[in-house]
PDB file of N, CA and C in Angstrom:
ATOM      1  N   MET A   1       0.854  -1.175   0.000  1.00  0.00           N
ATOM      2  CA  MET A   1       0.000   0.000   0.000  1.00  0.00           C
ATOM      3  C   MET A   1       0.890   1.224   0.000  1.00  0.00           C
ATOM      4  N   ASN A   2       0.771   2.015  -1.025  1.00  0.00           N
ATOM      5  CA  ASN A   2       1.652   3.157  -1.152  1.00  0.00           C
ATOM      6  C   ASN A   2       1.159   4.374  -0.369  1.00  0.00           C
ATOM      7  N   THR A   3      -0.014   4.868  -0.714  1.00  0.00           N
ATOM      8  CA  THR A   3      -0.509   6.082  -0.095  1.00  0.00           C
ATOM      9  C   THR A   3      -1.049   5.843   1.293  1.00  0.00           C
ATOM     10  N   LEU A   4      -1.429   4.648   1.553  1.00  0.00           N
ATOM     11  CA  LEU A   4      -2.091   4.366   2.809  1.00  0.00           C
ATOM     12  C   LEU A   4      -1.070   3.695   3.706  1.00  0.00           C
ATOM     13  N   ASN A   5      -0.854   4.299   4.854  1.00  0.00           N
ATOM     14  CA  ASN A   5       0.136   3.768   5.776  1.00  0.00           C
ATOM     15  C   ASN A   5      -0.448   2.586   6.522  1.00  0.00           C
ATOM     16  N   ARG A   6       0.010   1.432   6.154  1.00  0.00           N
ATOM     17  CA  ARG A   6      -0.483   0.176   6.700  1.00  0.00           C
ATOM     18  C   ARG A   6      -0.294   0.093   8.212  1.00  0.00           C
ATOM     19  N   ASP A   7       0.888   0.466   8.689  1.00  0.00           N
ATOM     20  CA  ASP A   7       1.163   0.427  10.123  1.00  0.00           C
ATOM     21  C   ASP A   7       0.241   1.370  10.885  1.00  0.00           C
ATOM     22  N   PHE A   8      -0.017   2.527  10.315  1.00  0.00           N
ATOM     23  CA  PHE A   8      -0.924   3.491  10.954  1.00  0.00           C
ATOM     24  C   PHE A   8      -2.309   2.867  11.136  1.00  0.00           C
ATOM     25  N   LEU A   9      -2.826   2.243  10.090  1.00  0.00           N
ATOM     26  CA  LEU A   9      -4.154   1.627  10.178  1.00  0.00           C
ATOM     27  C   LEU A   9      -4.173   0.473  11.184  1.00  0.00           C
ATOM     28  N   ILE A  10      -3.148  -0.352  11.181  1.00  0.00           N
ATOM     29  CA  ILE A  10      -3.093  -1.470  12.121  1.00  0.00           C
ATOM     30  C   ILE A  10      -3.008  -0.957  13.557  1.00  0.00           C
ATOM     31  N   ASN A  11      -2.251   0.113  13.767  1.00  0.00           N
ATOM     32  CA  ASN A  11      -2.169   0.715  15.103  1.00  0.00           C
ATOM     33  C   ASN A  11      -3.480   1.348  15.545  1.00  0.00           C
ATOM     34  N   HIS A  12      -4.382   1.593  14.607  1.00  0.00           N
ATOM     35  CA  HIS A  12      -5.671   2.208  14.926  1.00  0.00           C
ATOM     36  C   HIS A  12      -6.829   1.225  14.785  1.00  0.00           C
ATOM     37  N   GLY A  13      -6.552  -0.052  15.042  1.00  0.00           N
ATOM     38  CA  GLY A  13      -7.614  -1.034  15.164  1.00  0.00           C
ATOM     39  C   GLY A  13      -7.956  -1.840  13.925  1.00  0.00           C
ATOM     40  N   PHE A  14      -7.254  -1.625  12.824  1.00  0.00           N
ATOM     41  CA  PHE A  14      -7.507  -2.418  11.622  1.00  0.00           C
ATOM     42  C   PHE A  14      -6.800  -3.759  11.734  1.00  0.00           C
ATOM     43  N   THR A  15      -7.362  -4.766  11.083  1.00  0.00           N
ATOM     44  CA  THR A  15      -6.813  -6.110  11.076  1.00  0.00           C
ATOM     45  C   THR A  15      -6.662  -6.554   9.631  1.00  0.00           C
ATOM     46  N   GLU A  16      -5.628  -7.336   9.381  1.00  0.00           N
ATOM     47  CA  GLU A  16      -5.431  -7.857   8.028  1.00  0.00           C
ATOM     48  C   GLU A  16      -6.511  -8.887   7.725  1.00  0.00           C
ATOM     49  N   ASP A  17      -7.111  -8.761   6.558  1.00  0.00           N
ATOM     50  CA  ASP A  17      -8.155  -9.692   6.122  1.00  0.00           C
ATOM     51  C   ASP A  17      -7.511 -10.706   5.187  1.00  0.00           C
ATOM     52  N   SER A  18      -6.934 -11.763   5.790  1.00  0.00           N
ATOM     53  CA  SER A  18      -6.243 -12.754   4.978  1.00  0.00           C
ATOM     54  C   SER A  18      -7.223 -13.459   4.055  1.00  0.00           C
ATOM     55  N   GLU A  19      -6.857 -13.521   2.809  1.00  0.00           N
ATOM     56  CA  GLU A  19      -7.658 -14.148   1.752  1.00  0.00           C
ATOM     57  C   GLU A  19      -9.042 -13.512   1.616  1.00  0.00           C
ATOM     58  N   ASN A  20      -9.182 -12.268   2.043  1.00  0.00           N
ATOM     59  CA  ASN A  20     -10.446 -11.505   1.927  1.00  0.00           C
ATOM     60  C   ASN A  20     -11.617 -12.241   2.557  1.00  0.00           C
ATOM     61  N   LYS A  21     -11.332 -12.988   3.613  1.00  0.00           N
ATOM     62  CA  LYS A  21     -12.332 -13.820   4.274  1.00  0.00           C
ATOM     63  C   LYS A  21     -13.473 -12.991   4.867  1.00  0.00           C
ATOM     64  N   THR A  22     -13.137 -11.959   5.631  1.00  0.00           N
ATOM     65  CA  THR A  22     -14.163 -11.141   6.286  1.00  0.00           C
ATOM     66  C   THR A  22     -15.020 -10.422   5.266  1.00  0.00           C
ATOM     67  N   LEU A  23     -14.384  -9.882   4.236  1.00  0.00           N
ATOM     68  CA  LEU A  23     -15.113  -9.165   3.186  1.00  0.00           C
ATOM     69  C   LEU A  23     -16.092 -10.087   2.474  1.00  0.00           C
ATOM     70  N   SER A  24     -15.643 -11.277   2.069  1.00  0.00           N
ATOM     71  CA  SER A  24     -16.535 -12.194   1.355  1.00  0.00           C
ATOM     72  C   SER A  24     -17.617 -12.757   2.275  1.00  0.00           C
ATOM     73  N   GLU A  25     -17.295 -12.989   3.557  1.00  0.00           N
ATOM     74  CA  GLU A  25     -18.317 -13.460   4.502  1.00  0.00           C
ATOM     75  C   GLU A  25     -19.421 -12.431   4.695  1.00  0.00           C
ATOM     76  N   LEU A  26     -19.044 -11.166   4.735  1.00  0.00           N
ATOM     77  CA  LEU A  26     -20.033 -10.096   4.891  1.00  0.00           C
ATOM     78  C   LEU A  26     -20.992 -10.088   3.707  1.00  0.00           C
ATOM     79  N   PHE A  27     -20.461 -10.290   2.501  1.00  0.00           N
ATOM     80  CA  PHE A  27     -21.294 -10.320   1.302  1.00  0.00           C
ATOM     81  C   PHE A  27     -22.148 -11.585   1.256  1.00  0.00           C
ATOM     82  N   THR A  28     -21.651 -12.682   1.831  1.00  0.00           N
ATOM     83  CA  THR A  28     -22.399 -13.936   1.834  1.00  0.00           C
ATOM     84  C   THR A  28     -23.534 -13.912   2.857  1.00  0.00           C
ATOM     85  N   LYS A  29     -23.274 -13.368   4.032  1.00  0.00           N
ATOM     86  CA  LYS A  29     -24.253 -13.383   5.121  1.00  0.00           C
ATOM     87  C   LYS A  29     -25.405 -12.401   4.914  1.00  0.00           C
ATOM     88  N   HIS A  30     -25.154 -11.301   4.229  1.00  0.00           N
ATOM     89  CA  HIS A  30     -26.170 -10.252   4.096  1.00  0.00           C
ATOM     90  C   HIS A  30     -26.557 -10.070   2.637  1.00  0.00           C
ATOM     91  N   ASN A  31     -27.857  -9.984   2.385  1.00  0.00           N
ATOM     92  CA  ASN A  31     -28.285  -9.724   1.013  1.00  0.00           C
ATOM     93  C   ASN A  31     -28.604  -8.249   0.809  1.00  0.00           C
ATOM     94  N   LYS A  32     -28.533  -7.481   1.904  1.00  0.00           N
ATOM     95  CA  LYS A  32     -28.792  -6.054   1.802  1.00  0.00           C
ATOM     96  C   LYS A  32     -27.987  -5.326   2.875  1.00  0.00           C
ATOM     97  N   PHE A  33     -27.440  -4.174   2.502  1.00  0.00           N
ATOM     98  CA  PHE A  33     -26.729  -3.311   3.441  1.00  0.00           C
ATOM     99  C   PHE A  33     -27.527  -2.039   3.627  1.00  0.00           C
ATOM    100  N   ARG A  34     -27.585  -1.573   4.871  1.00  0.00           N
ATOM    101  CA  ARG A  34     -28.349  -0.354   5.155  1.00  0.00           C
ATOM    102  C   ARG A  34     -27.707   0.862   4.484  1.00  0.00           C
ATOM    103  N   GLU A  35     -26.393   0.944   4.554  1.00  0.00           N
ATOM    104  CA  GLU A  35     -25.699   2.068   3.923  1.00  0.00           C
ATOM    105  C   GLU A  35     -24.318   1.620   3.472  1.00  0.00           C
ATOM    106  N   VAL A  36     -23.884   2.147   2.332  1.00  0.00           N
ATOM    107  CA  VAL A  36     -22.562   1.850   1.789  1.00  0.00           C
ATOM    108  C   VAL A  36     -21.926   3.159   1.331  1.00  0.00           C
ATOM    109  N   ASN A  37     -20.690   3.380   1.774  1.00  0.00           N
ATOM    110  CA  ASN A  37     -19.896   4.517   1.301  1.00  0.00           C
ATOM    111  C   ASN A  37     -18.659   3.959   0.623  1.00  0.00           C
ATOM    112  N   ILE A  38     -18.442   4.354  -0.615  1.00  0.00           N
ATOM    113  CA  ILE A  38     -17.298   3.868  -1.383  1.00  0.00           C
ATOM    114  C   ILE A  38     -16.496   5.068  -1.875  1.00  0.00           C
ATOM    115  N   SER A  39     -15.187   5.025  -1.658  1.00  0.00           N
ATOM    116  CA  SER A  39     -14.278   6.008  -2.236  1.00  0.00           C
ATOM    117  C   SER A  39     -13.238   5.252  -3.035  1.00  0.00           C
ATOM    118  N   VAL A  40     -12.952   5.726  -4.231  1.00  0.00           N
ATOM    119  CA  VAL A  40     -11.944   5.096  -5.084  1.00  0.00           C
ATOM    120  C   VAL A  40     -10.887   6.150  -5.375  1.00  0.00           C
ATOM    121  N   ASN A  41      -9.636   5.812  -5.058  1.00  0.00           N
ATOM    122  CA  ASN A  41      -8.515   6.725  -5.251  1.00  0.00           C
ATOM    123  C   ASN A  41      -7.452   6.086  -6.126  1.00  0.00           C
ATOM    124  N   LEU A  42      -6.802   6.890  -6.918  1.00  0.00           N
ATOM    125  CA  LEU A  42      -5.605   6.460  -7.629  1.00  0.00           C
ATOM    126  C   LEU A  42      -4.496   6.413  -6.585  1.00  0.00           C
ATOM    127  N   THR A  43      -3.681   5.370  -6.564  1.00  0.00           N
ATOM    128  CA  THR A  43      -2.689   5.246  -5.491  1.00  0.00           C
ATOM    129  C   THR A  43      -1.504   6.186  -5.674  1.00  0.00           C
ATOM    130  N   GLU A  44      -0.953   6.284  -6.828  1.00  0.00           N
ATOM    131  CA  GLU A  44       0.183   7.170  -7.067  1.00  0.00           C
ATOM    132  C   GLU A  44      -0.019   7.927  -8.363  1.00  0.00           C
ATOM    133  N   PRO A  45      -0.138   9.210  -8.395  1.00  0.00           N
ATOM    134  CA  PRO A  45      -0.267  10.096  -7.241  1.00  0.00           C
ATOM    135  C   PRO A  45      -1.661   9.937  -6.629  1.00  0.00           C
ATOM    136  N   CYS A  46      -1.777  10.238  -5.360  1.00  0.00           N
ATOM    137  CA  CYS A  46      -3.058  10.076  -4.667  1.00  0.00           C
ATOM    138  C   CYS A  46      -4.079  11.075  -5.215  1.00  0.00           C
ATOM    139  N   MET A  47      -5.166  10.554  -5.756  1.00  0.00           N
ATOM    140  CA  MET A  47      -6.194  11.404  -6.364  1.00  0.00           C
ATOM    141  C   MET A  47      -7.545  10.709  -6.242  1.00  0.00           C
ATOM    142  N   LEU A  48      -8.546  11.423  -5.724  1.00  0.00           N
ATOM    143  CA  LEU A  48      -9.892  10.868  -5.621  1.00  0.00           C
ATOM    144  C   LEU A  48     -10.500  10.760  -7.014  1.00  0.00           C
ATOM    145  N   LEU A  49     -10.955   9.564  -7.373  1.00  0.00           N
ATOM    146  CA  LEU A  49     -11.553   9.339  -8.684  1.00  0.00           C
ATOM    147  C   LEU A  49     -13.074   9.248  -8.618  1.00  0.00           C
ATOM    148  N   ALA A  50     -13.579   8.644  -7.558  1.00  0.00           N
ATOM    149  CA  ALA A  50     -15.038   8.469  -7.447  1.00  0.00           C
ATOM    150  C   ALA A  50     -15.423   8.314  -5.990  1.00  0.00           C
ATOM    151  N   ARG A  51     -16.640   8.741  -5.704  1.00  0.00           N
ATOM    152  CA  ARG A  51     -17.185   8.572  -4.360  1.00  0.00           C
ATOM    153  C   ARG A  51     -18.678   8.327  -4.500  1.00  0.00           C
ATOM    154  N   SER A  52     -19.184   7.389  -3.714  1.00  0.00           N
ATOM    155  CA  SER A  52     -20.603   7.060  -3.772  1.00  0.00           C
ATOM    156  C   SER A  52     -21.098   6.767  -2.367  1.00  0.00           C
ATOM    157  N   ARG A  53     -22.277   7.287  -2.063  1.00  0.00           N
ATOM    158  CA  ARG A  53     -22.927   6.988  -0.787  1.00  0.00           C
ATOM    159  C   ARG A  53     -24.351   6.576  -1.104  1.00  0.00           C
ATOM    160  N   GLU A  54     -24.669   5.340  -0.765  1.00  0.00           N
ATOM    161  CA  GLU A  54     -25.978   4.794  -1.105  1.00  0.00           C
ATOM    162  C   GLU A  54     -26.615   4.138   0.113  1.00  0.00           C
ATOM    163  N   LYS A  55     -27.929   4.183   0.171  1.00  0.00           N
ATOM    164  CA  LYS A  55     -28.690   3.517   1.227  1.00  0.00           C
ATOM    165  C   LYS A  55     -29.448   2.343   0.620  1.00  0.00           C
ATOM    166  N   ASN A  56     -29.712   1.326   1.444  1.00  0.00           N
ATOM    167  CA  ASN A  56     -30.447   0.130   1.025  1.00  0.00           C
ATOM    168  C   ASN A  56     -29.872  -0.490  -0.246  1.00  0.00           C
ATOM    169  N   VAL A  57     -28.633  -0.899  -0.145  1.00  0.00           N
ATOM    170  CA  VAL A  57     -27.912  -1.482  -1.277  1.00  0.00           C
ATOM    171  C   VAL A  57     -28.066  -3.000  -1.242  1.00  0.00           C
ATOM    172  N   THR A  58     -28.309  -3.592  -2.393  1.00  0.00           N
ATOM    173  CA  THR A  58     -28.510  -5.026  -2.517  1.00  0.00           C
ATOM    174  C   THR A  58     -27.218  -5.704  -2.947  1.00  0.00           C
ATOM    175  N   VAL A  59     -26.923  -6.834  -2.314  1.00  0.00           N
ATOM    176  CA  VAL A  59     -25.795  -7.659  -2.733  1.00  0.00           C
ATOM    177  C   VAL A  59     -26.298  -8.567  -3.840  1.00  0.00           C
ATOM    178  N   GLU A  60     -25.601  -8.594  -4.949  1.00  0.00           N
ATOM    179  CA  GLU A  60     -25.996  -9.433  -6.078  1.00  0.00           C
ATOM    180  C   GLU A  60     -25.955 -10.898  -5.666  1.00  0.00           C
ATOM    181  N   VAL A  61     -27.065 -11.592  -5.852  1.00  0.00           N
ATOM    182  CA  VAL A  61     -27.173 -13.008  -5.493  1.00  0.00           C
ATOM    183  C   VAL A  61     -26.139 -13.807  -6.281  1.00  0.00           C
ATOM    184  N   ASN A  62     -25.485 -14.706  -5.588  1.00  0.00           N
ATOM    185  CA  ASN A  62     -24.465 -15.597  -6.167  1.00  0.00           C
ATOM    186  C   ASN A  62     -23.218 -14.875  -6.667  1.00  0.00           C
ATOM    187  N   SER A  63     -23.025 -13.617  -6.298  1.00  0.00           N
ATOM    188  CA  SER A  63     -21.837 -12.920  -6.785  1.00  0.00           C
ATOM    189  C   SER A  63     -20.559 -13.533  -6.207  1.00  0.00           C
ATOM    190  N   ILE A  64     -20.606 -13.986  -4.952  1.00  0.00           N
ATOM    191  CA  ILE A  64     -19.424 -14.599  -4.350  1.00  0.00           C
ATOM    192  C   ILE A  64     -19.080 -15.915  -5.038  1.00  0.00           C
ATOM    193  N   GLN A  65     -20.086 -16.687  -5.434  1.00  0.00           N
ATOM    194  CA  GLN A  65     -19.825 -17.948  -6.130  1.00  0.00           C
ATOM    195  C   GLN A  65     -19.137 -17.690  -7.467  1.00  0.00           C
ATOM    196  N   GLU A  66     -19.409 -16.548  -8.056  1.00  0.00           N
ATOM    197  CA  GLU A  66     -18.757 -16.193  -9.321  1.00  0.00           C
ATOM    198  C   GLU A  66     -17.452 -15.446  -9.077  1.00  0.00           C
ATOM    199  N   ASN A  67     -17.004 -15.438  -7.802  1.00  0.00           N
ATOM    200  CA  ASN A  67     -15.759 -14.801  -7.413  1.00  0.00           C
ATOM    201  C   ASN A  67     -15.761 -13.287  -7.629  1.00  0.00           C
ATOM    202  N   ARG A  68     -16.922 -12.678  -7.431  1.00  0.00           N
ATOM    203  CA  ARG A  68     -17.056 -11.230  -7.585  1.00  0.00           C
ATOM    204  C   ARG A  68     -17.766 -10.644  -6.380  1.00  0.00           C
ATOM    205  N   LEU A  69     -17.526  -9.371  -6.131  1.00  0.00           N
ATOM    206  CA  LEU A  69     -18.280  -8.598  -5.148  1.00  0.00           C
ATOM    207  C   LEU A  69     -19.093  -7.581  -5.935  1.00  0.00           C
ATOM    208  N   ILE A  70     -20.401  -7.766  -5.948  1.00  0.00           N
ATOM    209  CA  ILE A  70     -21.273  -6.895  -6.740  1.00  0.00           C
ATOM    210  C   ILE A  70     -22.320  -6.270  -5.831  1.00  0.00           C
ATOM    211  N   LEU A  71     -22.401  -4.950  -5.865  1.00  0.00           N
ATOM    212  CA  LEU A  71     -23.416  -4.211  -5.117  1.00  0.00           C
ATOM    213  C   LEU A  71     -24.302  -3.464  -6.095  1.00  0.00           C
ATOM    214  N   LYS A  72     -25.624  -3.512  -5.838  1.00  0.00           N
ATOM    215  CA  LYS A  72     -26.594  -2.846  -6.711  1.00  0.00           C
ATOM    216  C   LYS A  72     -27.470  -1.901  -5.904  1.00  0.00           C
ATOM    217  N   LYS A  73     -27.869  -0.830  -6.532  1.00  0.00           N
ATOM    218  CA  LYS A  73     -28.851   0.084  -5.970  1.00  0.00           C
ATOM    219  C   LYS A  73     -30.102  -0.033  -6.815  1.00  0.00           C
ATOM    220  N   ASN A  74     -31.189  -0.520  -6.198  1.00  0.00           N
ATOM    221  CA  ASN A  74     -32.452  -0.668  -6.914  1.00  0.00           C
ATOM    222  C   ASN A  74     -33.284   0.593  -6.739  1.00  0.00           C
ATOM    223  N   SER A  75     -33.704   1.141  -7.842  1.00  0.00           N
ATOM    224  CA  SER A  75     -34.576   2.316  -7.782  1.00  0.00           C
ATOM    225  C   SER A  75     -35.706   2.106  -8.787  1.00  0.00           C
ATOM    226  N   GLY A  76     -36.805   1.585  -8.263  1.00  0.00           N
ATOM    227  CA  GLY A  76     -37.947   1.341  -9.145  1.00  0.00           C
ATOM    228  C   GLY A  76     -37.710   0.150 -10.039  1.00  0.00           C
ATOM    229  N   ARG A  77     -37.902   0.374 -11.333  1.00  0.00           N
ATOM    230  CA  ARG A  77     -37.793  -0.722 -12.301  1.00  0.00           C
ATOM    231  C   ARG A  77     -36.361  -1.032 -12.698  1.00  0.00           C
ATOM    232  N   CYS A  78     -35.456  -0.111 -12.486  1.00  0.00           N
ATOM    233  CA  CYS A  78     -34.085  -0.359 -12.928  1.00  0.00           C
ATOM    234  C   CYS A  78     -33.148  -0.431 -11.720  1.00  0.00           C
ATOM    235  N   SER A  79     -32.007  -1.049 -11.927  1.00  0.00           N
ATOM    236  CA  SER A  79     -31.004  -1.115 -10.872  1.00  0.00           C
ATOM    237  C   SER A  79     -29.667  -0.651 -11.442  1.00  0.00           C
ATOM    238  N   THR A  80     -28.873  -0.045 -10.578  1.00  0.00           N
ATOM    239  CA  THR A  80     -27.575   0.474 -10.966  1.00  0.00           C
ATOM    240  C   THR A  80     -26.503  -0.281 -10.195  1.00  0.00           C
ATOM    241  N   ILE A  81     -25.513  -0.776 -10.903  1.00  0.00           N
ATOM    242  CA  ILE A  81     -24.396  -1.445 -10.231  1.00  0.00           C
ATOM    243  C   ILE A  81     -23.455  -0.364  -9.735  1.00  0.00           C
ATOM    244  N   ILE A  82     -23.231  -0.355  -8.414  1.00  0.00           N
ATOM    245  CA  ILE A  82     -22.350   0.666  -7.856  1.00  0.00           C
ATOM    246  C   ILE A  82     -20.954   0.127  -7.549  1.00  0.00           C
ATOM    247  N   MET A  83     -20.802  -1.197  -7.527  1.00  0.00           N
ATOM    248  CA  MET A  83     -19.487  -1.793  -7.351  1.00  0.00           C
ATOM    249  C   MET A  83     -19.489  -3.195  -7.934  1.00  0.00           C
ATOM    250  N   ASN A  84     -18.456  -3.517  -8.693  1.00  0.00           N
ATOM    251  CA  ASN A  84     -18.285  -4.841  -9.285  1.00  0.00           C
ATOM    252  C   ASN A  84     -16.785  -5.116  -9.336  1.00  0.00           C
ATOM    253  N   ILE A  85     -16.313  -5.932  -8.395  1.00  0.00           N
ATOM    254  CA  ILE A  85     -14.881  -6.188  -8.270  1.00  0.00           C
ATOM    255  C   ILE A  85     -14.629  -7.684  -8.283  1.00  0.00           C
ATOM    256  N   LEU A  86     -13.623  -8.091  -9.023  1.00  0.00           N
ATOM    257  CA  LEU A  86     -13.192  -9.486  -9.026  1.00  0.00           C
ATOM    258  C   LEU A  86     -12.439  -9.753  -7.732  1.00  0.00           C
ATOM    259  N   LEU A  87     -12.873 -10.724  -6.961  1.00  0.00           N
ATOM    260  CA  LEU A  87     -12.318 -11.009  -5.640  1.00  0.00           C
ATOM    261  C   LEU A  87     -10.819 -11.308  -5.677  1.00  0.00           C
ATOM    262  N   ASP A  88     -10.362 -11.986  -6.719  1.00  0.00           N
ATOM    263  CA  ASP A  88      -8.938 -12.335  -6.838  1.00  0.00           C
ATOM    264  C   ASP A  88      -8.036 -11.123  -7.035  1.00  0.00           C
ATOM    265  N   GLU A  89      -8.589  -9.993  -7.469  1.00  0.00           N
ATOM    266  CA  GLU A  89      -7.782  -8.803  -7.722  1.00  0.00           C
ATOM    267  C   GLU A  89      -7.619  -7.916  -6.499  1.00  0.00           C
ATOM    268  N   ILE A  90      -8.296  -8.265  -5.401  1.00  0.00           N
ATOM    269  CA  ILE A  90      -8.189  -7.463  -4.176  1.00  0.00           C
ATOM    270  C   ILE A  90      -6.898  -7.814  -3.453  1.00  0.00           C
ATOM    271  N   ASN A  91      -6.103  -6.786  -3.151  1.00  0.00           N
ATOM    272  CA  ASN A  91      -4.826  -6.959  -2.454  1.00  0.00           C
ATOM    273  C   ASN A  91      -4.793  -6.085  -1.209  1.00  0.00           C
ATOM    274  N   ASN A  92      -3.958  -6.470  -0.256  1.00  0.00           N
ATOM    275  CA  ASN A  92      -3.697  -5.676   0.941  1.00  0.00           C
ATOM    276  C   ASN A  92      -4.973  -5.237   1.641  1.00  0.00           C
ATOM    277  N   CYS A  93      -5.877  -6.156   1.849  1.00  0.00           N
ATOM    278  CA  CYS A  93      -7.163  -5.832   2.462  1.00  0.00           C
ATOM    279  C   CYS A  93      -7.032  -5.741   3.979  1.00  0.00           C
ATOM    280  N   LEU A  94      -7.436  -4.608   4.516  1.00  0.00           N
ATOM    281  CA  LEU A  94      -7.498  -4.394   5.958  1.00  0.00           C
ATOM    282  C   LEU A  94      -8.933  -4.075   6.316  1.00  0.00           C
ATOM    283  N   PHE A  95      -9.359  -4.471   7.523  1.00  0.00           N
ATOM    284  CA  PHE A  95     -10.723  -4.160   7.929  1.00  0.00           C
ATOM    285  C   PHE A  95     -10.781  -3.799   9.399  1.00  0.00           C
ATOM    286  N   LYS A  96     -11.847  -3.094   9.734  1.00  0.00           N
ATOM    287  CA  LYS A  96     -12.119  -2.749  11.126  1.00  0.00           C
ATOM    288  C   LYS A  96     -13.601  -2.961  11.368  1.00  0.00           C
ATOM    289  N   ASP A  97     -13.914  -3.735  12.413  1.00  0.00           N
ATOM    290  CA  ASP A  97     -15.293  -3.978  12.817  1.00  0.00           C
ATOM    291  C   ASP A  97     -15.555  -3.102  14.031  1.00  0.00           C
ATOM    292  N   TYR A  98     -16.445  -2.129  13.875  1.00  0.00           N
ATOM    293  CA  TYR A  98     -16.736  -1.204  14.969  1.00  0.00           C
ATOM    294  C   TYR A  98     -17.716  -1.800  15.978  1.00  0.00           C
ATOM    295  N   GLY A  99     -18.250  -2.992  15.692  1.00  0.00           N
ATOM    296  CA  GLY A  99     -19.091  -3.696  16.633  1.00  0.00           C
ATOM    297  C   GLY A  99     -20.546  -3.268  16.666  1.00  0.00           C
ATOM    298  N   ASN A 100     -20.924  -2.280  15.924  1.00  0.00           N
ATOM    299  CA  ASN A 100     -22.312  -1.805  15.905  1.00  0.00           C
ATOM    300  C   ASN A 100     -22.941  -1.959  14.519  1.00  0.00           C
ATOM    301  N   GLY A 101     -22.434  -2.924  13.785  1.00  0.00           N
ATOM    302  CA  GLY A 101     -22.943  -3.138  12.428  1.00  0.00           C
ATOM    303  C   GLY A 101     -22.200  -2.328  11.383  1.00  0.00           C
ATOM    304  N   LEU A 102     -21.172  -1.591  11.789  1.00  0.00           N
ATOM    305  CA  LEU A 102     -20.376  -0.790  10.856  1.00  0.00           C
ATOM    306  C   LEU A 102     -19.027  -1.474  10.629  1.00  0.00           C
ATOM    307  N   PHE A 103     -18.714  -1.688   9.362  1.00  0.00           N
ATOM    308  CA  PHE A 103     -17.444  -2.283   8.957  1.00  0.00           C
ATOM    309  C   PHE A 103     -16.737  -1.310   8.028  1.00  0.00           C
ATOM    310  N   GLU A 104     -15.422  -1.242   8.159  1.00  0.00           N
ATOM    311  CA  GLU A 104     -14.621  -0.403   7.271  1.00  0.00           C
ATOM    312  C   GLU A 104     -13.544  -1.275   6.639  1.00  0.00           C
ATOM    313  N   PHE A 105     -13.423  -1.197   5.315  1.00  0.00           N
ATOM    314  CA  PHE A 105     -12.424  -1.961   4.577  1.00  0.00           C
ATOM    315  C   PHE A 105     -11.560  -1.002   3.771  1.00  0.00           C
ATOM    316  N   GLU A 106     -10.276  -1.284   3.732  1.00  0.00           N
ATOM    317  CA  GLU A 106      -9.321  -0.560   2.892  1.00  0.00           C
ATOM    318  C   GLU A 106      -8.592  -1.620   2.083  1.00  0.00           C
ATOM    319  N   PHE A 107      -8.632  -1.509   0.753  1.00  0.00           N
ATOM    320  CA  PHE A 107      -7.946  -2.496  -0.074  1.00  0.00           C
ATOM    321  C   PHE A 107      -7.564  -1.880  -1.412  1.00  0.00           C
ATOM    322  N   GLU A 108      -6.712  -2.601  -2.132  1.00  0.00           N
ATOM    323  CA  GLU A 108      -6.252  -2.155  -3.446  1.00  0.00           C
ATOM    324  C   GLU A 108      -6.674  -3.136  -4.519  1.00  0.00           C
ATOM    325  N   VAL A 109      -6.997  -2.586  -5.676  1.00  0.00           N
ATOM    326  CA  VAL A 109      -7.260  -3.355  -6.876  1.00  0.00           C
ATOM    327  C   VAL A 109      -6.448  -2.674  -7.976  1.00  0.00           C
ATOM    328  N   ARG A 110      -5.400  -3.368  -8.408  1.00  0.00           N
ATOM    329  CA  ARG A 110      -4.450  -2.802  -9.377  1.00  0.00           C
ATOM    330  C   ARG A 110      -3.897  -1.491  -8.836  1.00  0.00           C
ATOM    331  N   ASP A 111      -4.055  -0.384  -9.540  1.00  0.00           N
ATOM    332  CA  ASP A 111      -3.533   0.916  -9.090  1.00  0.00           C
ATOM    333  C   ASP A 111      -4.581   1.762  -8.385  1.00  0.00           C
ATOM    334  N   LEU A 112      -5.649   1.129  -7.931  1.00  0.00           N
ATOM    335  CA  LEU A 112      -6.727   1.870  -7.271  1.00  0.00           C
ATOM    336  C   LEU A 112      -6.836   1.441  -5.812  1.00  0.00           C
ATOM    337  N   ARG A 113      -7.116   2.399  -4.949  1.00  0.00           N
ATOM    338  CA  ARG A 113      -7.331   2.120  -3.531  1.00  0.00           C
ATOM    339  C   ARG A 113      -8.799   2.362  -3.208  1.00  0.00           C
ATOM    340  N   TYR A 114      -9.436   1.373  -2.625  1.00  0.00           N
ATOM    341  CA  TYR A 114     -10.844   1.461  -2.262  1.00  0.00           C
ATOM    342  C   TYR A 114     -10.984   1.632  -0.759  1.00  0.00           C
ATOM    343  N   SER A 115     -11.853   2.534  -0.355  1.00  0.00           N
ATOM    344  CA  SER A 115     -12.301   2.663   1.037  1.00  0.00           C
ATOM    345  C   SER A 115     -13.768   2.313   1.024  1.00  0.00           C
ATOM    346  N   LEU A 116     -14.122   1.281   1.740  1.00  0.00           N
ATOM    347  CA  LEU A 116     -15.494   0.775   1.717  1.00  0.00           C
ATOM    348  C   LEU A 116     -16.032   0.749   3.141  1.00  0.00           C
ATOM    349  N   HIS A 117     -17.078   1.524   3.399  1.00  0.00           N
ATOM    350  CA  HIS A 117     -17.721   1.567   4.700  1.00  0.00           C
ATOM    351  C   HIS A 117     -19.106   0.946   4.520  1.00  0.00           C
ATOM    352  N   ILE A 118     -19.379  -0.104   5.284  1.00  0.00           N
ATOM    353  CA  ILE A 118     -20.640  -0.829   5.154  1.00  0.00           C
ATOM    354  C   ILE A 118     -21.370  -0.842   6.500  1.00  0.00           C
ATOM    355  N   THR A 119     -22.641  -0.477   6.473  1.00  0.00           N
ATOM    356  CA  THR A 119     -23.481  -0.582   7.662  1.00  0.00           C
ATOM    357  C   THR A 119     -24.521  -1.657   7.385  1.00  0.00           C
ATOM    358  N   VAL A 120     -24.525  -2.677   8.235  1.00  0.00           N
ATOM    359  CA  VAL A 120     -25.504  -3.756   8.100  1.00  0.00           C
ATOM    360  C   VAL A 120     -26.603  -3.558   9.138  1.00  0.00           C
ATOM    361  N   GLY A 121     -27.714  -4.236   8.957  1.00  0.00           N
ATOM    362  CA  GLY A 121     -28.807  -4.152   9.919  1.00  0.00           C
ATOM    363  C   GLY A 121     -30.032  -3.491   9.319  1.00  0.00           C
ATOM    364  N   ALA A 122     -31.052  -3.376  10.138  1.00  0.00           N
ATOM    365  CA  ALA A 122     -32.342  -2.855   9.679  1.00  0.00           C
ATOM    366  C   ALA A 122     -32.321  -1.379   9.409  1.00  0.00           C
TER     367      ALA A 122
END
């Protein structure tokens, strides 16, 4: 992780997510997230490329079996894919469980750094 200081995050309660286990389990256990905040940054030089904040986001059924993490926002008759990532391309995944249904993930996919905040529950 270039822009993101790994030691700093670990010292502040983040844990390494070996083999993206926690991330994939979260997608498997829940078919809907109350709120999702996604930030995508270019790692070098550090530059914000995209940011999305969505409520009532649906996890694409069977996305984990296809080795993907897919999140959709349903609005009426149409749905918008807000995240579609191949699980094998996720590197250096760190996570923090705040214990109140809020999870924070920091990971890299190629030259992009993702910050993913997920709130589960009703």
